[in-house]
Structure formats: structure tokens, C-alpha cells
Protein backbone atom coordinates (compact mmCIF):
# COMPACT_ATOMS: atom_id res chain seq x y z
CA MET A 1 30.35 -24.01 -23.21
CA ARG A 2 26.91 -25.62 -23.51
CA MET A 3 23.67 -24.61 -21.83
CA TYR A 4 22.87 -28.32 -21.49
CA ASP A 5 25.75 -28.69 -19.03
CA LEU A 6 24.59 -25.72 -16.94
CA ILE A 7 21.04 -27.06 -16.77
CA TYR A 8 22.24 -30.56 -15.84
CA THR A 9 24.65 -29.28 -13.16
CA LYS A 10 21.98 -27.21 -11.46
CA LYS A 11 19.35 -29.93 -11.84
CA MET A 12 21.65 -32.30 -9.95
CA GLY A 13 22.20 -29.72 -7.18
CA GLY A 14 25.62 -28.50 -8.22
CA SER A 15 26.96 -24.94 -8.25
CA LEU A 16 27.52 -22.86 -11.38
CA THR A 17 30.77 -20.98 -11.91
CA PRO A 18 30.84 -17.22 -12.52
CA GLU A 19 31.91 -17.96 -16.12
CA GLN A 20 28.92 -20.24 -16.66
CA ILE A 21 26.52 -17.68 -15.24
CA ALA A 22 28.06 -14.93 -17.40
CA PHE A 23 27.64 -17.16 -20.48
CA TRP A 24 23.96 -17.72 -19.70
CA VAL A 25 23.03 -14.13 -18.84
CA LYS A 26 24.76 -12.71 -21.90
CA GLY A 27 23.18 -15.32 -24.14
CA ALA A 28 19.73 -14.76 -22.68
CA ALA A 29 19.99 -11.00 -23.20
CA LEU A 30 21.30 -11.28 -26.77
CA GLY A 31 19.01 -14.16 -27.79
CA SER A 32 21.79 -16.67 -28.50
CA VAL A 33 20.49 -18.89 -25.69
CA PRO A 34 17.03 -20.27 -26.59
CA ASP A 35 14.18 -19.34 -24.26
CA GLU A 36 13.39 -22.98 -23.55
CA GLN A 37 16.90 -23.56 -22.17
CA SER A 38 16.77 -20.42 -20.04
CA ALA A 39 13.37 -21.55 -18.78
CA ALA A 40 14.79 -24.97 -17.89
CA LEU A 41 17.66 -23.41 -15.96
CA LEU A 42 15.30 -21.03 -14.16
CA MET A 43 13.21 -24.00 -13.03
CA ALA A 44 16.34 -25.85 -11.85
CA ILE A 45 17.40 -22.75 -9.86
CA CYS A 46 13.90 -22.43 -8.42
CA TRP A 47 14.10 -26.08 -7.31
CA ARG A 48 17.76 -26.34 -6.21
CA GLY A 49 18.56 -22.74 -5.21
CA MET A 50 21.84 -20.83 -5.43
CA ASN A 51 24.56 -20.03 -2.90
CA THR A 52 25.69 -16.45 -2.19
CA GLU A 53 28.56 -16.62 -4.70
CA GLU A 54 26.24 -17.79 -7.48
CA THR A 55 23.61 -15.18 -6.59
CA LEU A 56 26.23 -12.42 -6.59
CA ALA A 57 27.54 -13.56 -9.99
CA LEU A 58 24.01 -13.58 -11.39
CA THR A 59 23.34 -10.12 -9.90
CA LEU A 60 26.52 -8.57 -11.29
CA ASN A 61 26.07 -10.04 -14.77
CA MET A 62 22.49 -8.79 -14.91
CA ARG A 63 23.70 -5.39 -13.72
CA ASP A 64 26.38 -5.29 -16.42
CA SER A 65 23.98 -6.26 -19.22
CA GLY A 66 23.05 -2.57 -19.70
CA ASP A 67 23.84 0.97 -18.61
CA ARG A 68 25.10 1.84 -15.15
CA VAL A 69 24.63 5.19 -13.42
CA ASP A 70 27.88 6.81 -12.28
CA LEU A 71 27.22 9.05 -9.29
CA THR A 72 30.86 9.40 -8.18
CA GLY A 73 30.94 13.04 -9.30
CA ILE A 74 28.24 13.98 -6.79
CA PRO A 75 29.60 14.63 -3.27
CA GLY A 76 28.50 12.56 -0.31
CA VAL A 77 27.33 9.03 0.35
CA LYS A 78 24.45 8.36 -2.02
CA VAL A 79 21.66 6.38 -0.36
CA ASP A 80 18.78 4.39 -1.80
CA LYS A 81 15.74 2.54 -0.45
CA HIS A 82 13.88 -0.42 -1.90
CA SER A 83 10.54 -1.85 -0.82
CA THR A 84 9.24 -5.22 -1.95
CA GLY A 85 5.84 -3.55 -2.30
CA GLY A 86 2.44 -3.47 -0.66
CA VAL A 87 -0.96 -1.82 -0.75
CA GLY A 88 -0.74 1.86 0.21
CA ASP A 89 3.07 1.81 0.41
CA LYS A 90 4.07 5.41 -0.26
CA THR A 91 7.15 5.65 1.96
CA THR A 92 9.36 6.88 -0.89
CA LEU A 93 7.27 10.03 -1.29
CA ILE A 94 7.80 10.80 2.38
CA LEU A 95 11.36 9.74 3.09
CA GLY A 96 12.99 11.09 -0.09
CA PRO A 97 12.35 14.76 0.75
CA ILE A 98 13.26 14.17 4.40
CA VAL A 99 16.62 12.56 3.62
CA ALA A 100 17.45 15.32 1.12
CA ALA A 101 16.44 18.01 3.63
CA CYS A 102 18.92 16.49 6.10
CA GLY A 103 21.78 16.83 3.62
CA VAL A 104 22.17 13.24 2.39
CA PRO A 105 21.81 12.71 -1.39
CA CYS A 106 18.95 10.28 -2.04
CA ALA A 107 19.03 8.58 -5.46
CA MET A 108 16.17 6.23 -6.31
CA PHE A 109 14.79 4.45 -9.36
CA SER A 110 11.19 3.34 -8.89
CA GLY A 111 8.69 1.10 -10.62
CA ARG A 112 5.16 1.22 -11.94
CA GLY A 113 2.37 -0.74 -10.31
CA LEU A 114 0.88 -3.97 -11.63
CA GLY A 115 -1.97 -5.91 -10.06
CA HIS A 116 -3.02 -5.17 -6.49
CA THR A 117 0.07 -3.14 -5.50
CA GLY A 118 0.72 0.42 -6.62
CA GLY A 119 3.92 1.83 -8.07
CA THR A 120 5.82 4.91 -6.88
CA VAL A 121 6.14 6.24 -10.43
CA ASP A 122 2.34 6.21 -10.81
CA LYS A 123 1.87 8.14 -7.58
CA TYR A 124 4.30 10.83 -8.72
CA ALA A 125 2.50 11.00 -12.08
CA ALA A 126 -0.52 12.40 -10.21
CA VAL A 127 1.40 15.67 -9.67
CA PRO A 128 0.62 17.78 -12.77
CA GLY A 129 3.61 18.23 -15.06
CA LEU A 130 6.03 16.18 -12.96
CA LYS A 131 8.49 14.25 -15.14
CA VAL A 132 8.65 10.63 -13.97
CA GLU A 133 10.99 9.35 -16.68
CA LEU A 134 14.37 11.08 -16.55
CA SER A 135 17.46 10.55 -18.64
CA ILE A 136 20.55 9.61 -16.66
CA GLU A 137 21.85 13.19 -16.99
CA GLN A 138 18.51 14.63 -15.82
CA PHE A 139 18.55 12.19 -12.90
CA LYS A 140 22.03 13.31 -11.85
CA GLU A 141 21.13 16.98 -12.25
CA SER A 142 18.08 16.53 -10.00
CA LEU A 143 20.30 14.92 -7.39
CA ARG A 144 22.84 17.76 -7.59
CA ALA A 145 20.24 20.54 -7.48
CA THR A 146 17.75 19.20 -4.92
CA GLY A 147 19.48 16.35 -3.09
CA PHE A 148 16.81 13.94 -4.36
CA ALA A 149 16.37 12.07 -7.63
CA ASN A 150 13.63 9.64 -8.54
CA SER A 151 12.78 8.23 -11.93
CA ALA A 152 11.22 5.28 -13.65
CA GLN A 153 13.86 2.75 -14.60
CA THR A 154 15.16 3.41 -18.11
CA GLY A 155 15.00 0.71 -20.76
CA ASP A 156 18.79 0.54 -20.91
CA ILE A 157 19.28 -0.52 -17.27
CA CYS A 158 19.47 -4.29 -16.67
CA PRO A 159 17.91 -5.54 -19.94
CA ALA A 160 18.83 -9.11 -18.97
CA ASP A 161 16.58 -8.77 -15.92
CA ARG A 162 13.61 -7.78 -18.11
CA LYS A 163 14.22 -10.77 -20.36
CA LEU A 164 14.59 -13.29 -17.53
CA TYR A 165 11.71 -11.82 -15.51
CA ALA A 166 9.38 -12.22 -18.49
CA LEU A 167 10.37 -15.89 -18.67
CA ARG A 168 9.93 -16.32 -14.91
CA ASP A 169 6.48 -14.81 -15.15
CA VAL A 170 5.25 -17.44 -17.63
CA THR A 171 7.12 -20.45 -16.19
CA ALA A 172 6.02 -20.23 -12.52
CA THR A 173 9.57 -19.47 -11.37
CA VAL A 174 9.01 -16.03 -9.85
CA GLU A 175 9.04 -17.41 -6.29
CA SER A 176 12.77 -18.09 -6.01
CA ILE A 177 14.80 -16.17 -3.44
CA PRO A 178 18.06 -16.13 -5.49
CA LEU A 179 16.19 -14.97 -8.60
CA ILE A 180 14.27 -12.30 -6.68
CA THR A 181 17.52 -11.15 -5.05
CA ALA A 182 19.35 -10.87 -8.37
CA SER A 183 16.44 -9.03 -10.00
CA ILE A 184 16.23 -6.41 -7.23
CA MET A 185 19.91 -6.03 -6.45
CA SER A 186 21.08 -5.85 -10.09
CA LYS A 187 18.95 -2.74 -10.60
CA LYS A 188 20.02 -1.25 -7.27
CA LEU A 189 23.71 -1.75 -8.02
CA ALA A 190 23.24 -0.32 -11.52
CA GLY A 191 21.64 2.77 -9.95
CA GLY A 192 24.98 3.91 -8.56
CA SER A 193 24.17 4.43 -4.87
CA ASP A 194 26.66 3.63 -2.13
CA ALA A 195 24.19 2.46 0.50
CA LEU A 196 20.79 0.76 0.52
CA VAL A 197 18.01 0.30 3.06
CA LEU A 198 15.61 -2.54 2.25
CA ASP A 199 11.98 -2.66 3.35
CA VAL A 200 10.97 -6.32 3.02
CA LYS A 201 7.22 -6.69 3.42
CA CYS A 202 5.75 -9.72 5.20
CA GLY A 203 2.15 -10.92 5.41
CA GLY A 204 -1.03 -11.57 3.50
CA GLY A 205 -0.76 -8.38 1.45
CA ALA A 206 2.90 -8.94 0.55
CA PHE A 207 4.80 -11.13 -1.88
CA MET A 208 6.41 -12.97 1.04
CA LYS A 209 3.65 -14.34 3.27
CA SER A 210 5.69 -15.83 6.13
CA LEU A 211 8.34 -14.37 8.41
CA ASP A 212 10.72 -17.21 7.51
CA ASP A 213 10.48 -16.43 3.78
CA SER A 214 10.79 -12.68 4.39
CA ARG A 215 13.83 -13.24 6.58
CA ALA A 216 15.44 -15.48 3.96
CA LEU A 217 14.91 -12.91 1.20
CA ALA A 218 16.21 -10.07 3.38
CA GLN A 219 19.30 -12.04 4.34
CA SER A 220 19.96 -13.02 0.72
CA MET A 221 19.86 -9.40 -0.46
CA VAL A 222 21.99 -8.23 2.47
CA ASN A 223 24.56 -10.97 1.75
CA VAL A 224 24.82 -9.96 -1.91
CA GLY A 225 25.10 -6.26 -1.05
CA LYS A 226 27.82 -6.89 1.51
CA ALA A 227 29.71 -9.21 -0.85
CA HIS A 228 29.76 -6.32 -3.31
CA GLY A 229 31.01 -3.88 -0.65
CA MET A 230 27.76 -1.96 -0.28
CA LYS A 231 26.42 -0.53 2.99
CA ILE A 232 23.11 -2.34 3.41
CA LYS A 233 20.45 -3.11 6.01
CA ALA A 234 16.98 -4.65 5.81
CA LEU A 235 13.86 -4.00 7.86
CA ILE A 236 11.14 -6.67 7.76
CA THR A 237 7.80 -4.90 8.06
CA ARG A 238 4.24 -6.12 8.44
CA MET A 239 1.91 -5.96 5.43
CA GLU A 240 -1.42 -7.39 6.59
CA GLU A 241 -3.48 -4.22 6.21
CA PRO A 242 -3.04 -1.22 3.89
CA LEU A 243 -0.27 1.16 4.89
CA GLY A 244 -1.85 4.49 5.77
CA TRP A 245 -5.33 5.67 4.88
CA ALA A 246 -4.92 6.13 1.12
CA ILE A 247 -5.04 3.61 -1.72
CA GLY A 248 -4.83 5.30 -5.12
CA ASN A 249 -2.36 7.61 -6.76
CA ALA A 250 -3.53 11.18 -6.12
CA LEU A 251 -4.87 10.15 -2.70
CA GLU A 252 -1.45 8.75 -1.76
CA VAL A 253 0.21 12.01 -2.76
CA MET A 254 -2.23 13.83 -0.46
CA GLU A 255 -1.49 11.55 2.48
CA SER A 256 2.27 11.85 1.94
CA VAL A 257 2.05 15.65 1.87
CA GLU A 258 -0.02 15.68 5.05
CA ILE A 259 2.65 13.62 6.84
CA LEU A 260 5.41 15.92 5.56
CA LYS A 261 3.38 18.80 6.98
CA GLY A 262 3.31 17.14 10.41
CA GLN A 263 -0.02 15.30 10.36
CA HIS A 264 -0.65 11.59 11.17
CA GLY A 265 2.73 11.44 12.92
CA GLU A 266 1.79 8.57 15.22
CA GLY A 267 0.47 6.31 12.47
CA ASP A 268 2.34 3.29 11.12
CA LEU A 269 3.00 4.94 7.75
CA ALA A 270 4.67 7.99 9.28
CA GLN A 271 6.61 5.94 11.82
CA MET A 272 7.82 3.50 9.16
CA SER A 273 8.82 6.30 6.77
CA PHE A 274 10.64 8.19 9.53
CA ARG A 275 12.52 5.04 10.62
CA LEU A 276 13.59 4.22 7.06
CA ALA A 277 14.72 7.84 6.59
CA ALA A 278 16.69 7.68 9.84
CA GLU A 279 18.43 4.46 8.76
CA MET A 280 19.40 6.20 5.52
CA LEU A 281 20.82 9.19 7.42
CA VAL A 282 23.03 6.90 9.51
CA MET A 283 24.29 5.15 6.39
CA GLY A 284 24.86 8.50 4.71
CA GLY A 285 27.01 9.72 7.59
CA ALA A 286 24.69 12.56 8.67
CA ALA A 287 24.11 10.97 12.08
CA GLN A 288 26.25 8.85 14.39
CA ASN A 289 23.41 6.62 15.54
CA LEU A 290 19.74 5.90 15.05
CA ALA A 291 18.53 8.10 17.92
CA GLU A 292 20.39 11.12 16.54
CA ALA A 293 19.04 10.41 13.05
CA GLN A 294 15.46 10.09 14.29
CA ALA A 295 15.75 13.47 16.01
CA MET A 296 16.98 14.97 12.71
CA VAL A 297 13.96 13.51 10.90
CA VAL A 298 11.51 14.95 13.44
CA LYS A 299 13.17 18.38 13.19
CA ALA A 300 13.14 18.34 9.37
CA VAL A 301 9.39 17.73 9.37
CA ALA A 302 8.53 20.12 12.21
CA SER A 303 10.59 22.97 10.72
CA GLY A 304 8.96 22.66 7.29
CA ARG A 305 12.29 21.83 5.60
CA ALA A 306 11.09 18.39 4.48
CA MET A 307 8.01 19.81 2.76
CA ALA A 308 10.10 22.60 1.22
CA SER A 309 12.39 19.88 -0.13
CA PHE A 310 9.43 18.12 -1.76
CA ARG A 311 8.27 21.38 -3.38
CA SER A 312 11.78 22.15 -4.63
CA TRP A 313 12.23 18.69 -6.12
CA ALA A 314 8.82 18.72 -7.80
CA THR A 315 9.41 22.18 -9.30
CA HIS A 316 12.88 21.25 -10.55
CA ASN A 317 11.41 18.27 -12.40
CA GLY A 318 8.57 20.16 -14.07
CA GLY A 319 5.85 19.56 -11.52
CA ASN A 320 3.25 22.07 -10.38
CA ALA A 321 4.25 22.42 -6.73
CA ALA A 322 1.07 24.40 -6.04
CA ALA A 323 -0.81 21.08 -6.27
CA LEU A 324 1.01 19.95 -3.14
CA ASP A 325 -0.75 22.70 -1.18
CA ASP A 326 -4.02 22.86 -3.13
CA PHE A 327 -5.23 19.29 -3.62
CA SER A 328 -7.97 20.43 -6.01
CA ARG A 329 -5.18 20.75 -8.58
CA LEU A 330 -4.53 17.00 -8.38
CA PRO A 331 -6.57 14.53 -10.50
CA GLN A 332 -10.11 14.23 -9.18
CA PRO A 333 -12.65 11.37 -9.20
CA GLY A 334 -15.99 11.43 -10.98
CA GLN A 335 -17.98 10.55 -7.87
CA VAL A 336 -17.51 9.82 -4.18
CA PHE A 337 -19.24 7.11 -2.10
CA GLU A 338 -19.22 6.42 1.61
CA ILE A 339 -19.53 2.85 2.89
CA LYS A 340 -20.81 2.61 6.46
CA ALA A 341 -20.78 -0.12 9.08
CA ALA A 342 -23.99 -2.11 9.45
CA GLN A 343 -23.01 -3.19 12.97
CA GLY A 344 -20.53 -2.39 15.70
CA GLY A 345 -17.45 -4.25 16.89
CA TRP A 346 -13.68 -4.23 16.69
CA ILE A 347 -11.64 -4.63 13.53
CA HIS A 348 -9.46 -7.74 13.79
CA ALA A 349 -8.11 -7.77 10.22
CA VAL A 350 -8.17 -5.81 6.96
CA ASP A 351 -7.64 -7.71 3.71
CA SER A 352 -5.13 -5.43 2.00
CA ARG A 353 -4.88 -7.60 -1.13
CA ALA A 354 -8.65 -7.52 -1.65
CA LEU A 355 -8.69 -3.73 -1.22
CA GLY A 356 -5.79 -3.41 -3.66
CA LEU A 357 -7.75 -5.41 -6.22
CA LEU A 358 -10.85 -3.26 -5.64
CA ALA A 359 -8.74 -0.14 -6.21
CA MET A 360 -7.41 -1.73 -9.41
CA GLU A 361 -10.99 -2.31 -10.60
CA LEU A 362 -11.73 1.37 -9.99
CA GLY A 363 -8.83 2.23 -12.33
CA ALA A 364 -6.11 3.01 -9.77
CA GLY A 365 -4.05 -0.03 -10.79
CA ARG A 366 -3.23 -2.11 -13.87
CA ARG A 367 -4.44 -5.56 -14.84
CA SER A 368 -1.85 -5.55 -17.63
CA LYS A 369 1.19 -3.36 -18.21
CA ASP A 370 -0.58 -1.48 -21.04
CA ASP A 371 -3.57 -0.31 -18.96
CA VAL A 372 -4.05 3.46 -18.59
CA LEU A 373 -4.62 4.57 -15.00
CA ASP A 374 -7.22 6.95 -13.63
CA LEU A 375 -5.02 8.84 -11.21
CA GLY A 376 -7.91 10.42 -9.30
CA VAL A 377 -9.71 7.25 -8.15
CA GLY A 378 -9.03 5.17 -5.08
CA ILE A 379 -10.09 4.26 -1.56
CA ARG A 380 -9.81 5.99 1.81
CA LEU A 381 -9.73 3.65 4.80
CA HIS A 382 -11.23 5.21 7.95
CA ARG A 383 -10.62 2.38 10.46
CA ASN A 384 -7.62 0.18 11.17
CA VAL A 385 -6.99 -3.07 13.02
CA GLY A 386 -7.66 -2.70 16.75
CA GLN A 387 -10.09 0.20 16.38
CA ALA A 388 -13.72 0.11 17.51
CA VAL A 389 -16.59 0.62 15.07
CA LYS A 390 -20.17 1.67 15.75
CA ALA A 391 -23.12 0.99 13.45
CA GLY A 392 -23.30 3.86 10.96
CA ASP A 393 -19.61 4.75 11.15
CA THR A 394 -17.93 5.44 7.81
CA LEU A 395 -15.53 2.59 7.01
CA PHE A 396 -14.45 3.58 3.50
CA THR A 397 -14.72 6.55 1.20
CA VAL A 398 -14.58 5.35 -2.40
CA TYR A 399 -13.39 7.75 -5.11
CA ALA A 400 -14.61 6.39 -8.43
CA LYS A 401 -15.25 7.16 -12.06
CA ALA A 402 -18.52 8.88 -12.85
CA GLU A 403 -20.09 5.70 -14.25
CA ALA A 404 -18.66 3.23 -11.71
CA GLU A 405 -20.77 0.95 -9.53
CA VAL A 406 -19.38 0.34 -6.06
CA PRO A 407 -19.88 -3.24 -4.73
CA VAL A 408 -20.66 -2.39 -1.10
CA LYS A 409 -20.78 -6.04 0.04
CA ARG A 410 -17.28 -6.75 -1.29
CA TYR A 411 -15.87 -3.75 0.58
CA LEU A 412 -17.49 -4.85 3.83
CA GLU A 413 -16.09 -8.36 3.35
CA THR A 414 -12.53 -6.99 3.47
CA LEU A 415 -12.96 -6.25 7.19
CA ASN A 416 -12.98 -8.92 9.88
CA LEU A 417 -15.27 -7.37 12.50
CA GLN A 418 -15.52 -9.16 15.85
CA ALA A 419 -17.34 -8.57 19.15
CA GLN A 420 -14.14 -8.66 21.21
CA PRO A 421 -11.32 -6.07 21.13
CA VAL A 422 -7.89 -6.90 19.72
CA ALA A 423 -4.53 -5.16 20.00
CA PRO A 424 -2.85 -4.02 16.77
CA SER A 425 0.44 -5.73 15.84
CA PRO A 426 3.73 -3.80 15.55
CA TRP A 427 4.74 -2.71 12.05
CA LEU A 428 8.44 -3.61 12.50
CA LEU A 429 9.07 -7.34 12.78
CA GLU A 430 12.86 -7.68 12.51
CA THR A 431 16.03 -6.08 11.20
CA VAL A 432 18.69 -7.90 9.17
CA GLU A 433 22.21 -6.62 8.65
């Protein structure tokens, strides 16, 4: 078998066989296929696309290039959630303890942040002592003991994905729905869960800007999951403004804890987290329908069981659970600034990407994968789309390093302030199943 033939077939719009895809993925992972040929095939896929059968074959071969987590020895339907990422997205911190408190085992591998979006692993790292990189046995033990397991992805899971993603990153082939699908779903299938809820972000602060593209990605991932026999559903959610009030790692832990303690329950972040948790409970068999599951979520939060679940999980994995009740034990900034409105009006838009980049400049995010984060810095957003602002109102609180300079003008430019009121848009756009 020759790589030349695979490249030519895909370049001409043909379909690759499972054997051809297996040959390529194995060769790319082992180095027997030259990078330039893999890059050529990636470009042909980006141009010509892949059908569901090809995408499933690519997904499964990437999954099988490394270790797989076997969760069959743990009772119950194991559920997972994946978000395509956005500024202030901390739903995992909220829904994981809720799902576990309702008796459904929740097993999740999470990523680190890069660029303007934060990573779940970095948020957890703000809890003193909490282990964010678990061995597979530690991961399974956390799931057995607490009903919840979350860890950074180990280096032995889906090594072919790391290799091919690095090539995609330098060859302008990241924006391909089949390649995105295979990258996400290979890791999810390797994680060993039985069911998966997808949160596909859509909008200016997301990877997918349009509803059509978000819908296509959601449908592609759902098709691959179903073809593999997995329970799967996707929610397409709006990502035009930051999700919640916190941008920055320790700040996002604080906001998550407040929601688990019953605060901010009417906000988009809480409502989105509760809905995702409810979908997971239905898939896990704890509830017969969504209404029943949503009632279980509300009760878990109101009774304190969800917060107790978070404390139990953190303690089991080496974290100082006292920091979840005494925020002074979390990483702190060097200085705090308030940025106030110069004039009144109504907020029509918030540039979440620009705020994510500003948080990265403060040290809350990474420009490159080797950057060291300052877990105590970040931004608090005091006004959202649709809300009125008076001159002198605080718009942002900026938590910065001691020596940082805060560019007030750039913060003010992230808000589109108009004289006329505007209604906020719904956070849930569509569901795909």
C-alpha cells in the first residue's frame, strides 16, 4: 500500500477504505509515513471531506493508537461531557459533582487551555493540592470512591491524534469537520464512557462561528458516536459573550462553587450546566425524562449534596477542600482594579474573544503550551448583554499581577454600548441527536 495512492484518491474526491486509513494512522504515529505525505492527505481531506464511514474509521484507528480506559468493572452507565470550548466555560466544575451526587458515574478527561480559551485542568489546578494528572488506576479509583473522575489526558491516550493535530496546526488544516470529529471522538471513545453529551459552542467567541458549521460538527460527532453504538446527544449553545462572570482559573472555581451552593441560579452558566447535567442523568438511567432529571439536579443543589460531592472528590484527589469554602486559600492576585463606565446605555454585545485575550495577557492563559499560568489573575464581568449601564457603574474588576498595567481603553472597547435597549439571546440554539 502506498501513501501516494491514498493522497491521489482523496484529492480526486474518492473515499478511503478502512484498511487505507489504518495504514496511514499507524504510519503517522510510528513515523513510517513521512510528515509531508500526511500533510498532503490532511489538506486533501480538508478540501474534499470524509463520509461517516471514513470518519468513524479514522476515529477508531486514532483511538486504538494508544491506551484505552476500561471502565466495565465499575457499575452503572458511565457518562461523559465534552465542550468545544469558550471563554468562561466552567460547566464541568459544576455538572460533575451534580451528576455524581445523583448516583450516575461521571468519567471525564479534560484539557489545558491555550490562547483565548481556558482549560478545565487549569481551573482545577487552582485548588491547592488537587491532583490534575491521574494514572488510569487513580482515575478509576476516583470514579469508584466518589462517583466522579476528572484528569488531564495522559500521554499514552491517542498518540496518533497528537501527531496529526500538530501537523494540522502548522498546515492550516485544523478547520475540517471530519478531522475535528475524529480528534474529539477518538479521545472520548478511548476514555471508556458509555454515553456522551456534547456542548458545541457557536458564535464569535467559539471555534465554530456560524450555526450551520456548528450544526454540521455536532451532527458529525453524533453520527460517529451512534455508528460506534454510543449513547450520544449534542446541544448547540451560544458563545458570543463570556459564560458567567468569571474569566480566570481561581475566579472560575469561585463562581462554580457559588452556583453549587445555590447562587446565580437564573444565569446562563447555571442553567446551561444544570441542563447538561440533566441530559447526562437521562443517559445514565437515573431519570426517565428530562423534566424528572432537571428536578433531580435542582434538589441535589438545594440539599447541599452537589457541593458535598465536590468537597469529597477534591479531598479524595489530594485537594484542600477548605479552599472551596474559604476563597482566601485559593491563589490570589497582586492587585485589583475596577473599570467603570464613562457613559450610560445598554450593552448590545460583549467581545468574549477579546476578553479572553486580555485575560491571557494578565497570565490566566497561555500563548504557547510551555507558558506558566498565574492562577490568581483574571477578570470579573459585572454587566451582560441586555443590561442597562449608568455612568460610573463598575463594568469589570481586573485581578492582575502586582506589576501589571491595565489597558482601560481596551477593556471598554470589548463592550458595545448603545442608547437603545436590546433583549438578550437564548443560550440554547439547537439539539442534535
